[in-house]
Amino acid sequence: MLLTDLFKQGEFVITSEVGPPKGCSLETLLDRADKYLRCVHAINVTDCQASVMKLGSLATCKALLDNGHTPVLQLTCRDRNRIALQSDLLSAAYFGINNVLLLTGDHTTLGDAPNSKPVYDLDSVSLLKAASMLESGSDLDGNKLTGSAPKFAKGAVVSPCSDSVNAQLHKMDAKVRAGAEFFQTQTVYDPERFISFISRAKSFGVPVMLGIVILKSARMAEFMNKNIAGVSIPQFIIDELAADPERAKSGETGVEIAARVIKECRPYCQGLHIMPLGLEDKVPQLLECL
């Protein structure tokens, strides 16, 4: 199932995500996906998120696919050159994993192996172009593929609440020109800024999925404000999380906050991407609130 087909059918597309473990066992991840994420259209699999070495996104996507889920392969430019990136895209297509989210990736200095060398042979725009060229039957350097060409639903990311909105719109334009067919946003907690951004971005004619993280504590919110580009969490939300730390830790407060934001933003977007960060059990509850 291609997410782009769902958008064309007018479906409000809902995805969630999982992070592979730092090891070879997928039993817990698959169990939680089966219990809590059957309510979404597809499940993103992060690619060594925050530059922390973990089990690969492609292997985890294949396990989810075999378990009856629709996976979205996240692929970053940080760790691979153009040969490996295109090879992974072809491998995904061979397995029947056709939904992809193509990203530049966090720098290696942010993760648990800060001395590792980043690659960045391509960036997210040129990776989108590479995927588009594979679909046309050749690689990024114009060499012809053998057999049938792959078909992807090509996703990209954008940060509506960035301090540099014009830069985000410029990059969004470049990604659309390179082949992006839908966007997932960085997490949003300021509906007014999101709606203002969408009023300018809608001219691109590409579906935008609102991104939301289920917050677990005031400290988490403060960390995100300080360390994650494009995230802006208002002080009143931080205060709400701080008012009852135990309730926040359980995810209850975060679900309420997320539901409020989603309800305000839903008329202006074509889908929703939920980042539970370990609170997969709260995803069905959040969707029931909408």
C-alpha atoms as a PDB file:
ATOM      1  CA  MET A   1       0.000   0.000   0.000  1.00  0.00           C
ATOM      2  CA  LEU A   2       1.417   3.363  -1.073  1.00  0.00           C
ATOM      3  CA  LEU A   3       0.618   6.285   1.206  1.00  0.00           C
ATOM      4  CA  THR A   4       0.330   8.453  -1.892  1.00  0.00           C
ATOM      5  CA  ASP A   5      -2.625   6.341  -3.044  1.00  0.00           C
ATOM      6  CA  LEU A   6      -4.386   6.995   0.264  1.00  0.00           C
ATOM      7  CA  PHE A   7      -3.848  10.738  -0.087  1.00  0.00           C
ATOM      8  CA  LYS A   8      -5.267  10.629  -3.617  1.00  0.00           C
ATOM      9  CA  GLN A   9      -8.344   8.840  -2.260  1.00  0.00           C
ATOM     10  CA  GLY A  10      -8.904  11.702   0.198  1.00  0.00           C
ATOM     11  CA  GLU A  11      -7.948   9.622   3.241  1.00  0.00           C
ATOM     12  CA  PHE A  12      -6.655  11.439   6.332  1.00  0.00           C
ATOM     13  CA  VAL A  13      -3.475   9.395   6.612  1.00  0.00           C
ATOM     14  CA  ILE A  14      -2.258   8.459  10.089  1.00  0.00           C
ATOM     15  CA  THR A  15       1.176   7.019  10.785  1.00  0.00           C
ATOM     16  CA  SER A  16       3.182   6.329  13.903  1.00  0.00           C
ATOM     17  CA  GLU A  17       6.784   5.253  14.394  1.00  0.00           C
ATOM     18  CA  VAL A  18       9.055   2.839  16.210  1.00  0.00           C
ATOM     19  CA  GLY A  19      12.750   2.874  16.979  1.00  0.00           C
ATOM     20  CA  PRO A  20      14.701  -0.362  16.437  1.00  0.00           C
ATOM     21  CA  PRO A  21      16.536  -1.783  19.455  1.00  0.00           C
ATOM     22  CA  LYS A  22      20.263  -1.670  20.096  1.00  0.00           C
ATOM     23  CA  GLY A  23      20.508  -5.397  19.486  1.00  0.00           C
ATOM     24  CA  CYS A  24      19.109  -8.216  17.391  1.00  0.00           C
ATOM     25  CA  SER A  25      15.844  -8.969  19.184  1.00  0.00           C
ATOM     26  CA  LEU A  26      12.626  -7.553  17.699  1.00  0.00           C
ATOM     27  CA  GLU A  27      10.117  -9.484  19.803  1.00  0.00           C
ATOM     28  CA  THR A  28       9.204  -6.547  22.053  1.00  0.00           C
ATOM     29  CA  LEU A  29       8.934  -4.068  19.173  1.00  0.00           C
ATOM     30  CA  LEU A  30       6.756  -6.390  17.123  1.00  0.00           C
ATOM     31  CA  ASP A  31       4.574  -7.217  20.117  1.00  0.00           C
ATOM     32  CA  ARG A  32       3.958  -3.535  20.880  1.00  0.00           C
ATOM     33  CA  ALA A  33       3.284  -2.785  17.222  1.00  0.00           C
ATOM     34  CA  ASP A  34       0.723  -5.603  17.112  1.00  0.00           C
ATOM     35  CA  LYS A  35      -0.972  -4.473  20.329  1.00  0.00           C
ATOM     36  CA  TYR A  36      -1.037  -0.713  19.827  1.00  0.00           C
ATOM     37  CA  LEU A  37      -0.300   0.314  16.234  1.00  0.00           C
ATOM     38  CA  ARG A  38      -2.861  -1.631  14.220  1.00  0.00           C
ATOM     39  CA  CYS A  39      -4.926   1.559  14.350  1.00  0.00           C
ATOM     40  CA  VAL A  40      -2.610   3.499  11.999  1.00  0.00           C
ATOM     41  CA  HIS A  41      -2.114   3.225   8.263  1.00  0.00           C
ATOM     42  CA  ALA A  42       1.648   2.741   8.430  1.00  0.00           C
ATOM     43  CA  ILE A  43       4.597   2.635  10.830  1.00  0.00           C
ATOM     44  CA  ASN A  44       7.785   4.633  10.292  1.00  0.00           C
ATOM     45  CA  VAL A  45      11.020   2.955  11.314  1.00  0.00           C
ATOM     46  CA  THR A  46      13.754   5.361  12.401  1.00  0.00           C
ATOM     47  CA  ASP A  47      17.254   5.053  10.951  1.00  0.00           C
ATOM     48  CA  CYS A  48      19.731   5.183  13.860  1.00  0.00           C
ATOM     49  CA  GLN A  49      17.822   8.152  15.272  1.00  0.00           C
ATOM     50  CA  ALA A  50      19.935  10.836  16.957  1.00  0.00           C
ATOM     51  CA  SER A  51      23.015   9.071  15.537  1.00  0.00           C
ATOM     52  CA  VAL A  52      22.721   6.191  17.995  1.00  0.00           C
ATOM     53  CA  MET A  53      23.742   2.828  16.487  1.00  0.00           C
ATOM     54  CA  LYS A  54      20.794   0.435  16.412  1.00  0.00           C
ATOM     55  CA  LEU A  55      19.362  -2.422  14.382  1.00  0.00           C
ATOM     56  CA  GLY A  56      18.793  -1.289  10.817  1.00  0.00           C
ATOM     57  CA  SER A  57      15.624   0.335   9.568  1.00  0.00           C
ATOM     58  CA  LEU A  58      15.418  -1.935   6.517  1.00  0.00           C
ATOM     59  CA  ALA A  59      15.573  -5.155   8.565  1.00  0.00           C
ATOM     60  CA  THR A  60      12.980  -3.824  11.010  1.00  0.00           C
ATOM     61  CA  CYS A  61      10.701  -2.738   8.163  1.00  0.00           C
ATOM     62  CA  LYS A  62      10.876  -6.234   6.691  1.00  0.00           C
ATOM     63  CA  ALA A  63       9.945  -7.763  10.054  1.00  0.00           C
ATOM     64  CA  LEU A  64       6.960  -5.406  10.364  1.00  0.00           C
ATOM     65  CA  LEU A  65       5.895  -6.177   6.797  1.00  0.00           C
ATOM     66  CA  ASP A  66       6.031  -9.903   7.500  1.00  0.00           C
ATOM     67  CA  ASN A  67       3.839  -9.257  10.550  1.00  0.00           C
ATOM     68  CA  GLY A  68       1.130  -7.606   8.457  1.00  0.00           C
ATOM     69  CA  HIS A  69       2.041  -3.946   8.971  1.00  0.00           C
ATOM     70  CA  THR A  70       2.766  -1.308   6.337  1.00  0.00           C
ATOM     71  CA  PRO A  71       6.251   0.043   7.095  1.00  0.00           C
ATOM     72  CA  VAL A  72       7.790   3.372   6.101  1.00  0.00           C
ATOM     73  CA  LEU A  73      11.534   3.123   5.628  1.00  0.00           C
ATOM     74  CA  GLN A  74      13.424   6.096   7.023  1.00  0.00           C
ATOM     75  CA  LEU A  75      16.727   6.528   5.214  1.00  0.00           C
ATOM     76  CA  THR A  76      19.354   9.107   6.187  1.00  0.00           C
ATOM     77  CA  CYS A  77      22.364  10.363   4.262  1.00  0.00           C
ATOM     78  CA  ARG A  78      24.608  10.457   7.332  1.00  0.00           C
ATOM     79  CA  ASP A  79      26.024   6.932   7.202  1.00  0.00           C
ATOM     80  CA  ARG A  80      26.043   5.951   3.511  1.00  0.00           C
ATOM     81  CA  ASN A  81      27.362   7.190   0.193  1.00  0.00           C
ATOM     82  CA  ARG A  82      25.179   7.356  -2.902  1.00  0.00           C
ATOM     83  CA  ILE A  83      26.004   3.765  -3.880  1.00  0.00           C
ATOM     84  CA  ALA A  84      24.761   2.363  -0.554  1.00  0.00           C
ATOM     85  CA  LEU A  85      21.743   4.675  -0.379  1.00  0.00           C
ATOM     86  CA  GLN A  86      20.509   3.657  -3.825  1.00  0.00           C
ATOM     87  CA  SER A  87      21.261   0.023  -3.088  1.00  0.00           C
ATOM     88  CA  ASP A  88      19.150   0.207   0.087  1.00  0.00           C
ATOM     89  CA  LEU A  89      16.288   1.784  -1.867  1.00  0.00           C
ATOM     90  CA  LEU A  90      16.410  -1.039  -4.407  1.00  0.00           C
ATOM     91  CA  SER A  91      16.587  -3.604  -1.594  1.00  0.00           C
ATOM     92  CA  ALA A  92      13.535  -2.041   0.045  1.00  0.00           C
ATOM     93  CA  ALA A  93      11.600  -2.171  -3.230  1.00  0.00           C
ATOM     94  CA  TYR A  94      12.594  -5.823  -3.695  1.00  0.00           C
ATOM     95  CA  PHE A  95      11.099  -6.643  -0.296  1.00  0.00           C
ATOM     96  CA  GLY A  96       7.909  -4.718  -1.122  1.00  0.00           C
ATOM     97  CA  ILE A  97       8.740  -1.771   1.129  1.00  0.00           C
ATOM     98  CA  ASN A  98       7.660   1.130  -1.069  1.00  0.00           C
ATOM     99  CA  ASN A  99       6.955   3.931   1.415  1.00  0.00           C
ATOM    100  CA  VAL A 100      10.098   5.916   2.223  1.00  0.00           C
ATOM    101  CA  LEU A 101      10.959   8.994   4.240  1.00  0.00           C
ATOM    102  CA  LEU A 102      14.242  10.474   3.037  1.00  0.00           C
ATOM    103  CA  LEU A 103      16.296  12.611   5.410  1.00  0.00           C
ATOM    104  CA  THR A 104      19.729  14.172   5.759  1.00  0.00           C
ATOM    105  CA  GLY A 105      20.159  12.798   9.312  1.00  0.00           C
ATOM    106  CA  ASP A 106      21.539  14.071  12.620  1.00  0.00           C
ATOM    107  CA  HIS A 107      25.295  14.605  12.807  1.00  0.00           C
ATOM    108  CA  THR A 108      27.348  11.810  14.348  1.00  0.00           C
ATOM    109  CA  THR A 109      28.621  14.082  17.141  1.00  0.00           C
ATOM    110  CA  LEU A 110      25.125  13.958  18.684  1.00  0.00           C
ATOM    111  CA  GLY A 111      25.072  10.188  19.191  1.00  0.00           C
ATOM    112  CA  ASP A 112      26.811   7.427  21.115  1.00  0.00           C
ATOM    113  CA  ALA A 113      29.732   7.142  18.672  1.00  0.00           C
ATOM    114  CA  PRO A 114      30.821  10.781  18.331  1.00  0.00           C
ATOM    115  CA  ASN A 115      34.172   9.873  16.769  1.00  0.00           C
ATOM    116  CA  SER A 116      32.548   8.132  13.803  1.00  0.00           C
ATOM    117  CA  LYS A 117      32.933   9.854  10.426  1.00  0.00           C
ATOM    118  CA  PRO A 118      29.773  11.225   8.815  1.00  0.00           C
ATOM    119  CA  VAL A 119      29.338  10.624   5.079  1.00  0.00           C
ATOM    120  CA  TYR A 120      26.767  13.086   3.703  1.00  0.00           C
ATOM    121  CA  ASP A 121      27.658  12.258   0.101  1.00  0.00           C
ATOM    122  CA  LEU A 122      24.064  13.294  -0.632  1.00  0.00           C
ATOM    123  CA  ASP A 123      21.596  15.478   1.228  1.00  0.00           C
ATOM    124  CA  SER A 124      17.844  14.958   1.504  1.00  0.00           C
ATOM    125  CA  VAL A 125      17.138  16.810  -1.751  1.00  0.00           C
ATOM    126  CA  SER A 126      19.633  14.824  -3.815  1.00  0.00           C
ATOM    127  CA  LEU A 127      18.463  11.584  -2.175  1.00  0.00           C
ATOM    128  CA  LEU A 128      14.910  12.392  -3.292  1.00  0.00           C
ATOM    129  CA  LYS A 129      16.269  12.983  -6.777  1.00  0.00           C
ATOM    130  CA  ALA A 130      18.075   9.620  -6.644  1.00  0.00           C
ATOM    131  CA  ALA A 131      14.838   7.831  -5.678  1.00  0.00           C
ATOM    132  CA  SER A 132      13.009   9.579  -8.519  1.00  0.00           C
ATOM    133  CA  MET A 133      15.689   8.552 -11.002  1.00  0.00           C
ATOM    134  CA  LEU A 134      15.513   4.944  -9.833  1.00  0.00           C
ATOM    135  CA  GLU A 135      11.791   5.071 -10.563  1.00  0.00           C
ATOM    136  CA  SER A 136      12.593   6.242 -14.100  1.00  0.00           C
ATOM    137  CA  GLY A 137      14.887   3.258 -14.623  1.00  0.00           C
ATOM    138  CA  SER A 138      18.376   4.610 -13.986  1.00  0.00           C
ATOM    139  CA  ASP A 139      20.641   5.450 -11.074  1.00  0.00           C
ATOM    140  CA  LEU A 140      21.750   8.911 -10.027  1.00  0.00           C
ATOM    141  CA  ASP A 141      24.646   8.804 -12.482  1.00  0.00           C
ATOM    142  CA  GLY A 142      22.456   7.812 -15.409  1.00  0.00           C
ATOM    143  CA  ASN A 143      23.322   4.104 -15.482  1.00  0.00           C
ATOM    144  CA  LYS A 144      20.352   1.982 -16.561  1.00  0.00           C
ATOM    145  CA  LEU A 145      18.696  -0.487 -14.195  1.00  0.00           C
ATOM    146  CA  THR A 146      17.932  -4.023 -15.281  1.00  0.00           C
ATOM    147  CA  GLY A 147      14.408  -5.361 -14.994  1.00  0.00           C
ATOM    148  CA  SER A 148      11.454  -3.380 -13.726  1.00  0.00           C
ATOM    149  CA  ALA A 149      11.961  -0.029 -12.013  1.00  0.00           C
ATOM    150  CA  PRO A 150      10.841   0.475  -8.393  1.00  0.00           C
ATOM    151  CA  LYS A 151       7.908   2.630  -7.361  1.00  0.00           C
ATOM    152  CA  PHE A 152       8.025   4.601  -4.116  1.00  0.00           C
ATOM    153  CA  ALA A 153       5.823   6.918  -2.104  1.00  0.00           C
ATOM    154  CA  LYS A 154       8.517   9.478  -1.401  1.00  0.00           C
ATOM    155  CA  GLY A 155       8.239  11.450   1.818  1.00  0.00           C
ATOM    156  CA  ALA A 156      10.307  14.309   3.227  1.00  0.00           C
ATOM    157  CA  VAL A 157      10.339  16.409   6.386  1.00  0.00           C
ATOM    158  CA  VAL A 158       9.737  20.079   7.134  1.00  0.00           C
ATOM    159  CA  SER A 159       9.759  22.202  10.305  1.00  0.00           C
ATOM    160  CA  PRO A 160       6.791  24.637  10.324  1.00  0.00           C
ATOM    161  CA  CYS A 161       7.772  26.153  13.684  1.00  0.00           C
ATOM    162  CA  SER A 162      11.364  26.870  12.710  1.00  0.00           C
ATOM    163  CA  ASP A 163      12.748  30.329  13.346  1.00  0.00           C
ATOM    164  CA  SER A 164      13.678  30.378   9.647  1.00  0.00           C
ATOM    165  CA  VAL A 165      10.315  29.866   7.950  1.00  0.00           C
ATOM    166  CA  ASN A 166      11.508  31.260   4.632  1.00  0.00           C
ATOM    167  CA  ALA A 167      14.408  28.807   4.618  1.00  0.00           C
ATOM    168  CA  GLN A 168      12.013  25.923   5.361  1.00  0.00           C
ATOM    169  CA  LEU A 169       9.731  26.959   2.498  1.00  0.00           C
ATOM    170  CA  HIS A 170      12.724  27.240   0.152  1.00  0.00           C
ATOM    171  CA  LYS A 171      13.901  23.750   1.128  1.00  0.00           C
ATOM    172  CA  MET A 172      10.372  22.410   0.823  1.00  0.00           C
ATOM    173  CA  ASP A 173      10.183  23.791  -2.713  1.00  0.00           C
ATOM    174  CA  ALA A 174      13.503  22.113  -3.581  1.00  0.00           C
ATOM    175  CA  LYS A 175      12.279  18.790  -2.171  1.00  0.00           C
ATOM    176  CA  VAL A 176       9.046  18.943  -4.168  1.00  0.00           C
ATOM    177  CA  ARG A 177      11.020  19.650  -7.332  1.00  0.00           C
ATOM    178  CA  ALA A 178      13.255  16.659  -6.518  1.00  0.00           C
ATOM    179  CA  GLY A 179      10.250  14.350  -6.169  1.00  0.00           C
ATOM    180  CA  ALA A 180       8.804  14.626  -2.641  1.00  0.00           C
ATOM    181  CA  GLU A 181       5.177  13.491  -2.696  1.00  0.00           C
ATOM    182  CA  PHE A 182       4.239  14.109   0.932  1.00  0.00           C
ATOM    183  CA  PHE A 183       5.718  15.769   4.010  1.00  0.00           C
ATOM    184  CA  GLN A 184       5.825  14.874   7.672  1.00  0.00           C
ATOM    185  CA  THR A 185       6.490  17.816   9.965  1.00  0.00           C
ATOM    186  CA  GLN A 186       8.708  18.206  12.976  1.00  0.00           C
ATOM    187  CA  THR A 187       6.601  18.054  16.128  1.00  0.00           C
ATOM    188  CA  VAL A 188       4.177  20.985  16.481  1.00  0.00           C
ATOM    189  CA  TYR A 189       2.781  22.544  19.670  1.00  0.00           C
ATOM    190  CA  ASP A 190       1.856  25.976  18.323  1.00  0.00           C
ATOM    191  CA  PRO A 191      -1.182  25.624  16.039  1.00  0.00           C
ATOM    192  CA  GLU A 192      -1.124  29.310  15.109  1.00  0.00           C
ATOM    193  CA  ARG A 193       2.400  29.046  13.696  1.00  0.00           C
ATOM    194  CA  PHE A 194       1.533  25.794  11.935  1.00  0.00           C
ATOM    195  CA  ILE A 195      -1.549  27.259  10.285  1.00  0.00           C
ATOM    196  CA  SER A 196       0.402  30.332   9.198  1.00  0.00           C
ATOM    197  CA  PHE A 197       3.070  28.095   7.655  1.00  0.00           C
ATOM    198  CA  ILE A 198       0.515  25.949   5.841  1.00  0.00           C
ATOM    199  CA  SER A 199      -1.115  29.038   4.349  1.00  0.00           C
ATOM    200  CA  ARG A 200       2.164  29.631   2.510  1.00  0.00           C
ATOM    201  CA  ALA A 201       3.096  25.993   1.860  1.00  0.00           C
ATOM    202  CA  LYS A 202      -0.220  24.890   0.362  1.00  0.00           C
ATOM    203  CA  SER A 203       0.819  26.356  -2.990  1.00  0.00           C
ATOM    204  CA  PHE A 204       3.174  23.381  -3.417  1.00  0.00           C
ATOM    205  CA  GLY A 205       0.130  21.113  -3.735  1.00  0.00           C
ATOM    206  CA  VAL A 206       1.712  18.293  -1.694  1.00  0.00           C
ATOM    207  CA  PRO A 207       0.038  16.602   1.317  1.00  0.00           C
ATOM    208  CA  VAL A 208       1.399  17.623   4.720  1.00  0.00           C
ATOM    209  CA  MET A 209       1.157  15.372   7.771  1.00  0.00           C
ATOM    210  CA  LEU A 210       1.184  17.092  11.151  1.00  0.00           C
ATOM    211  CA  GLY A 211       3.911  15.681  13.402  1.00  0.00           C
ATOM    212  CA  ILE A 212       3.328  15.339  17.148  1.00  0.00           C
ATOM    213  CA  VAL A 213       5.406  13.859  19.973  1.00  0.00           C
ATOM    214  CA  ILE A 214       3.596  12.582  23.071  1.00  0.00           C
ATOM    215  CA  LEU A 215       5.429  14.513  25.790  1.00  0.00           C
ATOM    216  CA  LYS A 216       6.336  12.742  29.045  1.00  0.00           C
ATOM    217  CA  SER A 217       7.724  15.503  31.276  1.00  0.00           C
ATOM    218  CA  ALA A 218       8.509  19.187  31.575  1.00  0.00           C
ATOM    219  CA  ARG A 219      12.189  18.283  31.469  1.00  0.00           C
ATOM    220  CA  MET A 220      11.695  16.492  28.161  1.00  0.00           C
ATOM    221  CA  ALA A 221       9.954  19.552  26.735  1.00  0.00           C
ATOM    222  CA  GLU A 222      12.717  21.855  27.927  1.00  0.00           C
ATOM    223  CA  PHE A 223      15.365  19.552  26.421  1.00  0.00           C
ATOM    224  CA  MET A 224      13.567  19.523  23.075  1.00  0.00           C
ATOM    225  CA  ASN A 225      13.276  23.311  23.065  1.00  0.00           C
ATOM    226  CA  LYS A 226      16.989  23.637  23.691  1.00  0.00           C
ATOM    227  CA  ASN A 227      18.412  20.867  21.542  1.00  0.00           C
ATOM    228  CA  ILE A 228      16.092  19.980  18.652  1.00  0.00           C
ATOM    229  CA  ALA A 229      15.982  22.327  15.693  1.00  0.00           C
ATOM    230  CA  GLY A 230      12.535  23.453  14.642  1.00  0.00           C
ATOM    231  CA  VAL A 231      10.844  22.603  17.950  1.00  0.00           C
ATOM    232  CA  SER A 232       9.038  25.322  19.898  1.00  0.00           C
ATOM    233  CA  ILE A 233       7.058  24.266  22.976  1.00  0.00           C
ATOM    234  CA  PRO A 234       5.226  27.142  24.720  1.00  0.00           C
ATOM    235  CA  GLN A 235       5.867  27.708  28.408  1.00  0.00           C
ATOM    236  CA  PHE A 236       2.242  27.041  29.369  1.00  0.00           C
ATOM    237  CA  ILE A 237       2.586  23.482  28.028  1.00  0.00           C
ATOM    238  CA  ILE A 238       5.785  22.991  30.033  1.00  0.00           C
ATOM    239  CA  ASP A 239       3.949  24.264  33.119  1.00  0.00           C
ATOM    240  CA  GLU A 240       1.071  21.874  32.444  1.00  0.00           C
ATOM    241  CA  LEU A 241       3.494  18.944  32.336  1.00  0.00           C
ATOM    242  CA  ALA A 242       5.241  20.130  35.520  1.00  0.00           C
ATOM    243  CA  ALA A 243       1.983  20.449  37.466  1.00  0.00           C
ATOM    244  CA  ASP A 244       1.616  16.665  37.886  1.00  0.00           C
ATOM    245  CA  PRO A 245       4.886  14.863  37.060  1.00  0.00           C
ATOM    246  CA  GLU A 246       3.505  11.358  37.647  1.00  0.00           C
ATOM    247  CA  ARG A 247       0.544  11.919  35.366  1.00  0.00           C
ATOM    248  CA  ALA A 248       2.867  13.380  32.760  1.00  0.00           C
ATOM    249  CA  LYS A 249       5.210  10.384  33.045  1.00  0.00           C
ATOM    250  CA  SER A 250       2.319   8.033  32.317  1.00  0.00           C
ATOM    251  CA  GLY A 251       1.606   9.923  29.096  1.00  0.00           C
ATOM    252  CA  GLU A 252      -1.861  11.085  30.114  1.00  0.00           C
ATOM    253  CA  THR A 253      -0.991  14.785  30.091  1.00  0.00           C
ATOM    254  CA  GLY A 254       0.917  14.392  26.839  1.00  0.00           C
ATOM    255  CA  VAL A 255      -2.086  12.759  25.181  1.00  0.00           C
ATOM    256  CA  GLU A 256      -4.333  15.654  26.249  1.00  0.00           C
ATOM    257  CA  ILE A 257      -1.852  18.212  24.918  1.00  0.00           C
ATOM    258  CA  ALA A 258      -1.408  16.350  21.639  1.00  0.00           C
ATOM    259  CA  ALA A 259      -5.167  15.970  21.147  1.00  0.00           C
ATOM    260  CA  ARG A 260      -5.708  19.720  21.569  1.00  0.00           C
ATOM    261  CA  VAL A 261      -3.018  20.555  19.026  1.00  0.00           C
ATOM    262  CA  ILE A 262      -4.241  17.983  16.514  1.00  0.00           C
ATOM    263  CA  LYS A 263      -7.854  19.167  16.718  1.00  0.00           C
ATOM    264  CA  GLU A 264      -6.802  22.746  15.940  1.00  0.00           C
ATOM    265  CA  CYS A 265      -4.480  21.781  13.102  1.00  0.00           C
ATOM    266  CA  ARG A 266      -6.441  18.962  11.470  1.00  0.00           C
ATOM    267  CA  PRO A 267      -8.479  21.176   9.093  1.00  0.00           C
ATOM    268  CA  TYR A 268      -5.224  22.464   7.622  1.00  0.00           C
ATOM    269  CA  CYS A 269      -3.343  19.208   6.972  1.00  0.00           C
ATOM    270  CA  GLN A 270      -3.861  15.929   5.163  1.00  0.00           C
ATOM    271  CA  GLY A 271      -2.520  13.526   7.750  1.00  0.00           C
ATOM    272  CA  LEU A 272      -1.000  12.918  11.158  1.00  0.00           C
ATOM    273  CA  HIS A 273       2.328  11.425  12.221  1.00  0.00           C
ATOM    274  CA  ILE A 274       2.480  10.375  15.886  1.00  0.00           C
ATOM    275  CA  MET A 275       5.908   9.966  17.510  1.00  0.00           C
ATOM    276  CA  PRO A 276       5.200   8.058  20.744  1.00  0.00           C
ATOM    277  CA  LEU A 277       8.853   7.622  21.837  1.00  0.00           C
ATOM    278  CA  GLY A 278       8.090   4.504  23.870  1.00  0.00           C
ATOM    279  CA  LEU A 279       4.456   5.342  24.597  1.00  0.00           C
ATOM    280  CA  GLU A 280       2.983   3.244  21.800  1.00  0.00           C
ATOM    281  CA  ASP A 281       0.244   2.164  24.203  1.00  0.00           C
ATOM    282  CA  LYS A 282      -1.042   5.762  24.182  1.00  0.00           C
ATOM    283  CA  VAL A 283      -1.525   5.937  20.403  1.00  0.00           C
ATOM    284  CA  PRO A 284      -5.000   4.275  20.375  1.00  0.00           C
ATOM    285  CA  GLN A 285      -6.059   6.500  23.279  1.00  0.00           C
ATOM    286  CA  LEU A 286      -4.904   9.614  21.444  1.00  0.00           C
ATOM    287  CA  LEU A 287      -6.795   8.660  18.315  1.00  0.00           C
ATOM    288  CA  GLU A 288      -9.947   8.033  20.353  1.00  0.00           C
ATOM    289  CA  CYS A 289      -9.730  11.631  21.602  1.00  0.00           C
ATOM    290  CA  LEU A 290      -9.935  13.082  18.108  1.00  0.00           C
END
